[in-house]
């Protein structure tokens, strides 16, 4: 996995600007901090923002355990190229535990992609005081 470096900030941010409809909440200050913490992968035009859970936490109605990975965002500068599929598979191998993510329920393309990547829909979440429904997916590394 290739982690983003400070000099890659503009590349990372430009990928999210391309997909502003789905990522209106991405903040430049957070991206810079996540780059410093090695929580952003930038490879072949694909950006993955994540963290490894240091304690139990919840995503919607799903419990995440310490050591699991939370995938915050994945985006590609060339959707449909196959790069995201390849990089995400490598990311799954890199992660020490289960990988969880949440996605807007109305983002049909992303939901189909996660199913294609053999992730399981296991829960629900929402944003903006319940006005934006979302789904929670997992890619299991170990049986639970």
N, C-alpha and C. Protein backbone atom coordinates (compact mmCIF):
# COMPACT_ATOMS: atom_id res chain seq x y z
N UNK A 1 0.84 -1.17 0.00
CA UNK A 1 0.00 0.00 0.00
C UNK A 1 0.89 1.24 0.00
N UNK A 2 0.48 2.21 -0.78
CA UNK A 2 1.23 3.46 -0.86
C UNK A 2 0.48 4.55 -0.10
N UNK A 3 1.07 5.01 0.98
CA UNK A 3 0.45 6.06 1.78
C UNK A 3 0.68 7.41 1.14
N UNK A 4 -0.34 8.27 1.24
CA UNK A 4 -0.20 9.64 0.75
C UNK A 4 0.83 10.37 1.61
N UNK A 5 1.56 11.28 0.97
CA UNK A 5 2.53 12.11 1.66
C UNK A 5 2.07 13.56 1.57
N UNK A 6 2.70 14.43 2.35
CA UNK A 6 2.31 15.84 2.35
C UNK A 6 2.25 16.40 0.94
N UNK A 7 3.20 16.05 0.11
CA UNK A 7 3.24 16.58 -1.26
C UNK A 7 2.07 16.08 -2.12
N UNK A 8 1.36 15.05 -1.66
CA UNK A 8 0.22 14.49 -2.40
C UNK A 8 -1.11 15.13 -2.04
N UNK A 9 -1.08 16.07 -1.12
CA UNK A 9 -2.34 16.64 -0.62
C UNK A 9 -3.27 17.11 -1.75
N UNK A 10 -2.77 17.88 -2.69
CA UNK A 10 -3.61 18.41 -3.77
C UNK A 10 -4.24 17.28 -4.59
N UNK A 11 -3.47 16.23 -4.88
CA UNK A 11 -4.01 15.09 -5.62
C UNK A 11 -5.16 14.45 -4.85
N UNK A 12 -4.95 14.24 -3.57
CA UNK A 12 -5.99 13.64 -2.72
C UNK A 12 -7.23 14.52 -2.71
N UNK A 13 -7.04 15.79 -2.44
CA UNK A 13 -8.18 16.70 -2.34
C UNK A 13 -8.93 16.81 -3.67
N UNK A 14 -8.21 16.82 -4.77
CA UNK A 14 -8.85 16.92 -6.09
C UNK A 14 -9.73 15.72 -6.40
N UNK A 15 -9.35 14.54 -5.92
CA UNK A 15 -10.21 13.36 -6.12
C UNK A 15 -11.54 13.58 -5.41
N UNK A 16 -11.51 14.09 -4.19
CA UNK A 16 -12.75 14.33 -3.46
C UNK A 16 -13.57 15.47 -4.09
N UNK A 17 -12.89 16.48 -4.62
CA UNK A 17 -13.61 17.57 -5.29
C UNK A 17 -14.37 17.05 -6.51
N UNK A 18 -13.82 16.05 -7.19
CA UNK A 18 -14.50 15.43 -8.33
C UNK A 18 -15.83 14.81 -7.92
N UNK A 19 -15.92 14.37 -6.68
CA UNK A 19 -17.09 13.64 -6.18
C UNK A 19 -17.76 14.41 -5.04
N UNK A 20 -17.85 15.73 -5.18
CA UNK A 20 -18.38 16.59 -4.13
C UNK A 20 -19.80 16.20 -3.71
N UNK A 21 -20.59 15.66 -4.63
CA UNK A 21 -21.96 15.25 -4.28
C UNK A 21 -21.97 14.25 -3.13
N UNK A 22 -21.02 13.30 -3.15
CA UNK A 22 -21.00 12.25 -2.14
C UNK A 22 -20.08 12.57 -0.97
N UNK A 23 -19.18 13.53 -1.16
CA UNK A 23 -18.22 13.86 -0.10
C UNK A 23 -18.21 15.35 0.24
N UNK A 24 -19.38 15.92 0.54
CA UNK A 24 -19.39 17.36 0.84
C UNK A 24 -18.75 17.68 2.19
N UNK A 25 -18.58 16.66 3.02
CA UNK A 25 -18.08 16.84 4.39
C UNK A 25 -16.56 16.74 4.50
N UNK A 26 -15.86 16.38 3.43
CA UNK A 26 -14.41 16.20 3.51
C UNK A 26 -13.74 17.56 3.72
N UNK A 27 -12.97 17.66 4.79
CA UNK A 27 -12.31 18.92 5.16
C UNK A 27 -10.82 18.83 4.92
N UNK A 28 -10.27 19.92 4.41
CA UNK A 28 -8.84 19.94 4.08
C UNK A 28 -7.97 19.76 5.32
N UNK A 29 -8.36 20.37 6.44
CA UNK A 29 -7.54 20.24 7.65
C UNK A 29 -7.49 18.80 8.13
N UNK A 30 -8.62 18.08 8.02
CA UNK A 30 -8.64 16.67 8.42
C UNK A 30 -7.79 15.83 7.48
N UNK A 31 -7.87 16.11 6.19
CA UNK A 31 -7.04 15.36 5.24
C UNK A 31 -5.56 15.51 5.56
N UNK A 32 -5.14 16.72 5.88
CA UNK A 32 -3.73 16.96 6.20
C UNK A 32 -3.30 16.17 7.44
N UNK A 33 -4.15 16.14 8.45
CA UNK A 33 -3.85 15.38 9.67
C UNK A 33 -3.80 13.88 9.36
N UNK A 34 -4.75 13.40 8.57
CA UNK A 34 -4.80 11.98 8.23
C UNK A 34 -3.59 11.57 7.38
N UNK A 35 -3.12 12.45 6.53
CA UNK A 35 -1.90 12.17 5.76
C UNK A 35 -0.73 12.00 6.73
N UNK A 36 -0.60 12.90 7.69
CA UNK A 36 0.48 12.81 8.67
C UNK A 36 0.41 11.52 9.48
N UNK A 37 -0.80 11.06 9.78
CA UNK A 37 -1.00 9.84 10.58
C UNK A 37 -0.93 8.57 9.74
N UNK A 38 -0.67 8.70 8.46
CA UNK A 38 -0.64 7.55 7.54
C UNK A 38 -1.99 6.81 7.54
N UNK A 39 -3.05 7.61 7.42
CA UNK A 39 -4.40 7.07 7.35
C UNK A 39 -5.04 7.33 5.99
N UNK A 40 -4.21 7.68 5.00
CA UNK A 40 -4.70 7.87 3.64
C UNK A 40 -3.80 7.12 2.69
N UNK A 41 -4.42 6.30 1.88
CA UNK A 41 -3.71 5.58 0.83
C UNK A 41 -4.01 6.31 -0.48
N UNK A 42 -2.99 6.51 -1.28
CA UNK A 42 -3.13 7.09 -2.61
C UNK A 42 -2.35 6.21 -3.57
N UNK A 43 -3.09 5.52 -4.42
CA UNK A 43 -2.45 4.59 -5.34
C UNK A 43 -3.28 4.52 -6.62
N UNK A 44 -2.64 4.70 -7.76
CA UNK A 44 -3.30 4.61 -9.07
C UNK A 44 -4.57 5.46 -9.15
N UNK A 45 -4.53 6.65 -8.54
CA UNK A 45 -5.67 7.56 -8.59
C UNK A 45 -6.80 7.22 -7.65
N UNK A 46 -6.59 6.23 -6.78
CA UNK A 46 -7.60 5.82 -5.80
C UNK A 46 -7.16 6.33 -4.43
N UNK A 47 -8.10 6.94 -3.71
CA UNK A 47 -7.85 7.45 -2.36
C UNK A 47 -8.70 6.64 -1.38
N UNK A 48 -8.06 6.15 -0.34
CA UNK A 48 -8.77 5.46 0.75
C UNK A 48 -8.38 6.16 2.05
N UNK A 49 -9.39 6.61 2.79
CA UNK A 49 -9.19 7.24 4.10
C UNK A 49 -9.74 6.26 5.14
N UNK A 50 -8.95 5.98 6.18
CA UNK A 50 -9.34 4.94 7.14
C UNK A 50 -8.69 5.19 8.49
N UNK A 51 -9.10 4.39 9.47
CA UNK A 51 -8.37 4.29 10.73
C UNK A 51 -8.60 2.90 11.32
N UNK A 52 -7.63 2.47 12.12
CA UNK A 52 -7.76 1.22 12.86
C UNK A 52 -8.31 1.58 14.23
N UNK A 53 -9.41 0.95 14.62
CA UNK A 53 -10.07 1.28 15.88
C UNK A 53 -9.18 0.93 17.07
N UNK A 54 -9.02 1.90 17.97
CA UNK A 54 -8.24 1.68 19.17
C UNK A 54 -9.11 1.27 20.35
N UNK A 55 -10.42 1.35 20.14
CA UNK A 55 -11.38 0.93 21.17
C UNK A 55 -12.69 0.57 20.48
N UNK A 56 -13.61 0.00 21.24
CA UNK A 56 -14.92 -0.31 20.68
C UNK A 56 -15.61 0.98 20.26
N UNK A 57 -16.35 0.92 19.18
CA UNK A 57 -17.12 2.08 18.74
C UNK A 57 -18.30 1.57 17.93
N UNK A 58 -19.21 2.46 17.62
CA UNK A 58 -20.38 2.09 16.83
C UNK A 58 -20.43 2.88 15.54
N UNK A 59 -20.87 2.21 14.49
CA UNK A 59 -21.24 2.86 13.25
C UNK A 59 -22.72 2.54 13.08
N UNK A 60 -23.55 3.53 13.28
CA UNK A 60 -24.98 3.28 13.25
C UNK A 60 -25.34 2.25 14.30
N UNK A 61 -25.98 1.15 13.87
CA UNK A 61 -26.40 0.11 14.81
C UNK A 61 -25.42 -1.07 14.86
N UNK A 62 -24.19 -0.86 14.39
CA UNK A 62 -23.19 -1.92 14.33
C UNK A 62 -22.03 -1.63 15.28
N UNK A 63 -21.66 -2.62 16.06
CA UNK A 63 -20.54 -2.51 17.00
C UNK A 63 -19.23 -2.88 16.30
N UNK A 64 -18.25 -2.01 16.42
CA UNK A 64 -16.91 -2.23 15.89
C UNK A 64 -16.01 -2.56 17.07
N UNK A 65 -15.14 -3.54 16.89
CA UNK A 65 -14.23 -3.95 17.97
C UNK A 65 -12.86 -3.31 17.80
N UNK A 66 -12.13 -3.23 18.88
CA UNK A 66 -10.75 -2.76 18.84
C UNK A 66 -9.97 -3.61 17.84
N UNK A 67 -9.18 -2.96 16.98
CA UNK A 67 -8.39 -3.68 15.99
C UNK A 67 -9.05 -3.78 14.63
N UNK A 68 -10.37 -3.54 14.58
CA UNK A 68 -11.05 -3.51 13.28
C UNK A 68 -10.69 -2.21 12.57
N UNK A 69 -10.97 -2.17 11.28
CA UNK A 69 -10.66 -0.99 10.48
C UNK A 69 -11.95 -0.32 10.03
N UNK A 70 -11.98 1.00 10.11
CA UNK A 70 -13.10 1.78 9.62
C UNK A 70 -12.64 2.49 8.35
N UNK A 71 -13.26 2.18 7.23
CA UNK A 71 -12.97 2.83 5.97
C UNK A 71 -13.89 4.03 5.88
N UNK A 72 -13.33 5.23 5.92
CA UNK A 72 -14.13 6.45 5.92
C UNK A 72 -14.56 6.85 4.53
N UNK A 73 -13.62 6.84 3.59
CA UNK A 73 -13.93 7.22 2.21
C UNK A 73 -13.06 6.42 1.26
N UNK A 74 -13.63 6.11 0.10
CA UNK A 74 -12.86 5.59 -1.02
C UNK A 74 -13.38 6.32 -2.26
N UNK A 75 -12.47 6.82 -3.06
CA UNK A 75 -12.86 7.55 -4.27
C UNK A 75 -11.75 7.37 -5.30
N UNK A 76 -12.14 7.46 -6.56
CA UNK A 76 -11.19 7.28 -7.66
C UNK A 76 -11.25 8.47 -8.60
N UNK A 77 -10.09 8.82 -9.16
CA UNK A 77 -10.08 9.90 -10.14
C UNK A 77 -10.54 9.41 -11.51
N UNK A 78 -10.69 8.09 -11.68
CA UNK A 78 -11.18 7.54 -12.95
C UNK A 78 -12.14 6.38 -12.67
N UNK A 79 -13.38 6.70 -12.26
CA UNK A 79 -14.37 5.67 -11.97
C UNK A 79 -14.56 4.75 -13.17
N UNK A 80 -14.73 3.46 -12.88
CA UNK A 80 -14.95 2.49 -13.94
C UNK A 80 -13.67 1.89 -14.51
N UNK A 81 -12.51 2.37 -14.05
CA UNK A 81 -11.24 1.89 -14.58
C UNK A 81 -10.84 0.53 -14.01
N UNK A 82 -11.44 0.14 -12.90
CA UNK A 82 -11.04 -1.09 -12.22
C UNK A 82 -9.98 -0.87 -11.16
N UNK A 83 -9.42 0.34 -11.11
CA UNK A 83 -8.38 0.62 -10.12
C UNK A 83 -8.90 0.51 -8.70
N UNK A 84 -10.10 1.01 -8.45
CA UNK A 84 -10.64 0.99 -7.08
C UNK A 84 -10.82 -0.45 -6.60
N UNK A 85 -11.26 -1.32 -7.47
CA UNK A 85 -11.45 -2.73 -7.09
C UNK A 85 -10.12 -3.36 -6.70
N UNK A 86 -9.11 -3.15 -7.50
CA UNK A 86 -7.79 -3.72 -7.24
C UNK A 86 -7.18 -3.16 -5.95
N UNK A 87 -7.25 -1.85 -5.78
CA UNK A 87 -6.66 -1.22 -4.59
C UNK A 87 -7.44 -1.62 -3.34
N UNK A 88 -8.76 -1.70 -3.43
CA UNK A 88 -9.55 -2.09 -2.26
C UNK A 88 -9.24 -3.52 -1.85
N UNK A 89 -9.06 -4.42 -2.80
CA UNK A 89 -8.67 -5.79 -2.46
C UNK A 89 -7.32 -5.82 -1.74
N UNK A 90 -6.37 -5.02 -2.20
CA UNK A 90 -5.07 -4.93 -1.52
C UNK A 90 -5.25 -4.35 -0.12
N UNK A 91 -6.14 -3.37 0.02
CA UNK A 91 -6.42 -2.77 1.32
C UNK A 91 -6.98 -3.81 2.28
N UNK A 92 -7.91 -4.65 1.81
CA UNK A 92 -8.46 -5.71 2.66
C UNK A 92 -7.34 -6.62 3.18
N UNK A 93 -6.39 -6.94 2.32
CA UNK A 93 -5.27 -7.79 2.73
C UNK A 93 -4.39 -7.09 3.75
N UNK A 94 -4.20 -5.79 3.59
CA UNK A 94 -3.37 -5.00 4.48
C UNK A 94 -3.95 -4.91 5.89
N UNK A 95 -5.26 -4.84 5.99
CA UNK A 95 -5.92 -4.60 7.28
C UNK A 95 -5.82 -5.82 8.19
N UNK A 96 -5.54 -5.59 9.47
CA UNK A 96 -5.37 -6.71 10.40
C UNK A 96 -6.67 -7.40 10.81
N UNK A 97 -7.79 -6.68 10.73
CA UNK A 97 -9.07 -7.25 11.18
C UNK A 97 -10.15 -7.00 10.17
N UNK A 98 -11.38 -7.03 10.64
CA UNK A 98 -12.53 -6.76 9.78
C UNK A 98 -12.50 -5.31 9.32
N UNK A 99 -13.09 -5.06 8.15
CA UNK A 99 -13.16 -3.70 7.60
C UNK A 99 -14.64 -3.30 7.53
N UNK A 100 -14.97 -2.19 8.15
CA UNK A 100 -16.34 -1.67 8.18
C UNK A 100 -16.40 -0.35 7.44
N UNK A 101 -17.54 -0.06 6.85
CA UNK A 101 -17.76 1.25 6.24
C UNK A 101 -19.24 1.57 6.24
N UNK A 102 -19.53 2.85 6.14
CA UNK A 102 -20.91 3.29 5.99
C UNK A 102 -20.99 4.10 4.70
N UNK A 103 -22.15 4.03 4.07
CA UNK A 103 -22.36 4.69 2.79
C UNK A 103 -23.81 5.15 2.71
N UNK A 104 -24.03 6.25 2.04
CA UNK A 104 -25.40 6.73 1.87
C UNK A 104 -26.22 5.69 1.12
N UNK A 105 -27.42 5.45 1.58
CA UNK A 105 -28.29 4.46 0.94
C UNK A 105 -28.63 4.86 -0.49
N UNK A 106 -28.68 6.16 -0.78
CA UNK A 106 -29.03 6.60 -2.14
C UNK A 106 -27.84 6.61 -3.09
N UNK A 107 -26.66 6.25 -2.62
CA UNK A 107 -25.49 6.14 -3.49
C UNK A 107 -25.47 4.71 -4.05
N UNK A 108 -26.32 4.49 -5.04
CA UNK A 108 -26.53 3.15 -5.57
C UNK A 108 -25.26 2.56 -6.19
N UNK A 109 -24.48 3.40 -6.85
CA UNK A 109 -23.24 2.92 -7.46
C UNK A 109 -22.30 2.37 -6.41
N UNK A 110 -22.11 3.10 -5.32
CA UNK A 110 -21.22 2.65 -4.25
C UNK A 110 -21.76 1.39 -3.58
N UNK A 111 -23.06 1.35 -3.31
CA UNK A 111 -23.64 0.16 -2.68
C UNK A 111 -23.43 -1.08 -3.55
N UNK A 112 -23.64 -0.95 -4.85
CA UNK A 112 -23.42 -2.09 -5.77
C UNK A 112 -21.95 -2.49 -5.76
N UNK A 113 -21.05 -1.50 -5.72
CA UNK A 113 -19.62 -1.78 -5.70
C UNK A 113 -19.24 -2.59 -4.46
N UNK A 114 -19.75 -2.22 -3.29
CA UNK A 114 -19.40 -2.94 -2.07
C UNK A 114 -19.93 -4.37 -2.09
N UNK A 115 -21.10 -4.58 -2.65
CA UNK A 115 -21.63 -5.94 -2.80
C UNK A 115 -20.72 -6.73 -3.75
N UNK A 116 -20.33 -6.11 -4.85
CA UNK A 116 -19.43 -6.74 -5.81
C UNK A 116 -18.10 -7.12 -5.16
N UNK A 117 -17.67 -6.34 -4.18
CA UNK A 117 -16.42 -6.59 -3.48
C UNK A 117 -16.59 -7.61 -2.34
N UNK A 118 -17.72 -8.30 -2.34
CA UNK A 118 -18.02 -9.34 -1.34
C UNK A 118 -18.11 -8.81 0.08
N UNK A 119 -18.59 -7.58 0.19
CA UNK A 119 -18.86 -7.03 1.52
C UNK A 119 -20.32 -7.35 1.85
N UNK A 120 -20.59 -7.49 3.13
CA UNK A 120 -21.94 -7.84 3.57
C UNK A 120 -22.62 -6.64 4.21
N UNK A 121 -23.86 -6.38 3.80
CA UNK A 121 -24.68 -5.34 4.41
C UNK A 121 -25.13 -5.87 5.77
N UNK A 122 -24.72 -5.18 6.85
CA UNK A 122 -25.02 -5.71 8.18
C UNK A 122 -25.75 -4.74 9.09
N UNK A 123 -25.97 -3.51 8.62
CA UNK A 123 -26.63 -2.57 9.51
C UNK A 123 -27.04 -1.29 8.81
N UNK A 124 -27.59 -0.40 9.61
CA UNK A 124 -28.08 0.89 9.12
C UNK A 124 -27.46 2.01 9.95
N UNK A 125 -27.40 3.18 9.33
CA UNK A 125 -26.95 4.38 10.01
C UNK A 125 -27.68 5.56 9.38
N UNK A 126 -27.40 6.76 9.84
CA UNK A 126 -27.98 7.95 9.21
C UNK A 126 -27.14 9.16 9.59
N UNK A 127 -27.35 10.22 8.82
CA UNK A 127 -26.66 11.48 9.05
C UNK A 127 -27.66 12.62 9.01
N UNK A 128 -27.22 13.80 9.34
CA UNK A 128 -28.05 15.02 9.33
C UNK A 128 -29.35 14.83 10.10
N UNK A 129 -29.17 14.43 11.36
CA UNK A 129 -30.30 14.26 12.28
C UNK A 129 -31.35 13.31 11.73
N UNK A 130 -30.89 12.25 11.09
CA UNK A 130 -31.79 11.20 10.61
C UNK A 130 -32.38 11.43 9.24
N UNK A 131 -32.00 12.51 8.56
CA UNK A 131 -32.61 12.82 7.27
C UNK A 131 -31.91 12.13 6.09
N UNK A 132 -30.68 11.63 6.30
CA UNK A 132 -29.96 10.94 5.24
C UNK A 132 -29.68 9.51 5.70
N UNK A 133 -30.41 8.53 5.18
CA UNK A 133 -30.20 7.14 5.59
C UNK A 133 -28.94 6.55 4.96
N UNK A 134 -28.35 5.61 5.69
CA UNK A 134 -27.14 4.96 5.20
C UNK A 134 -27.10 3.49 5.54
N UNK A 135 -26.20 2.79 4.88
CA UNK A 135 -25.98 1.36 5.09
C UNK A 135 -24.60 1.15 5.69
N UNK A 136 -24.46 0.07 6.46
CA UNK A 136 -23.18 -0.31 7.04
C UNK A 136 -22.79 -1.67 6.45
N UNK A 137 -21.57 -1.73 5.90
CA UNK A 137 -21.05 -2.96 5.31
C UNK A 137 -19.83 -3.44 6.08
N UNK A 138 -19.54 -4.74 5.94
CA UNK A 138 -18.34 -5.32 6.54
C UNK A 138 -17.69 -6.28 5.56
N UNK A 139 -16.39 -6.31 5.59
CA UNK A 139 -15.58 -7.35 4.95
C UNK A 139 -14.89 -8.07 6.09
N UNK A 140 -15.31 -9.29 6.35
CA UNK A 140 -14.79 -10.02 7.50
C UNK A 140 -13.45 -10.68 7.20
N UNK A 141 -12.53 -10.51 8.13
CA UNK A 141 -11.21 -11.14 8.05
C UNK A 141 -11.23 -12.42 8.85
N UNK A 142 -12.04 -12.39 9.88
CA UNK A 142 -12.15 -13.55 10.78
C UNK A 142 -13.63 -13.80 11.04
N UNK A 143 -13.96 -14.96 11.47
CA UNK A 143 -15.38 -15.26 11.72
C UNK A 143 -15.79 -14.69 13.06
N UNK A 144 -17.00 -14.09 13.08
CA UNK A 144 -17.56 -13.52 14.31
C UNK A 144 -18.90 -14.15 14.57
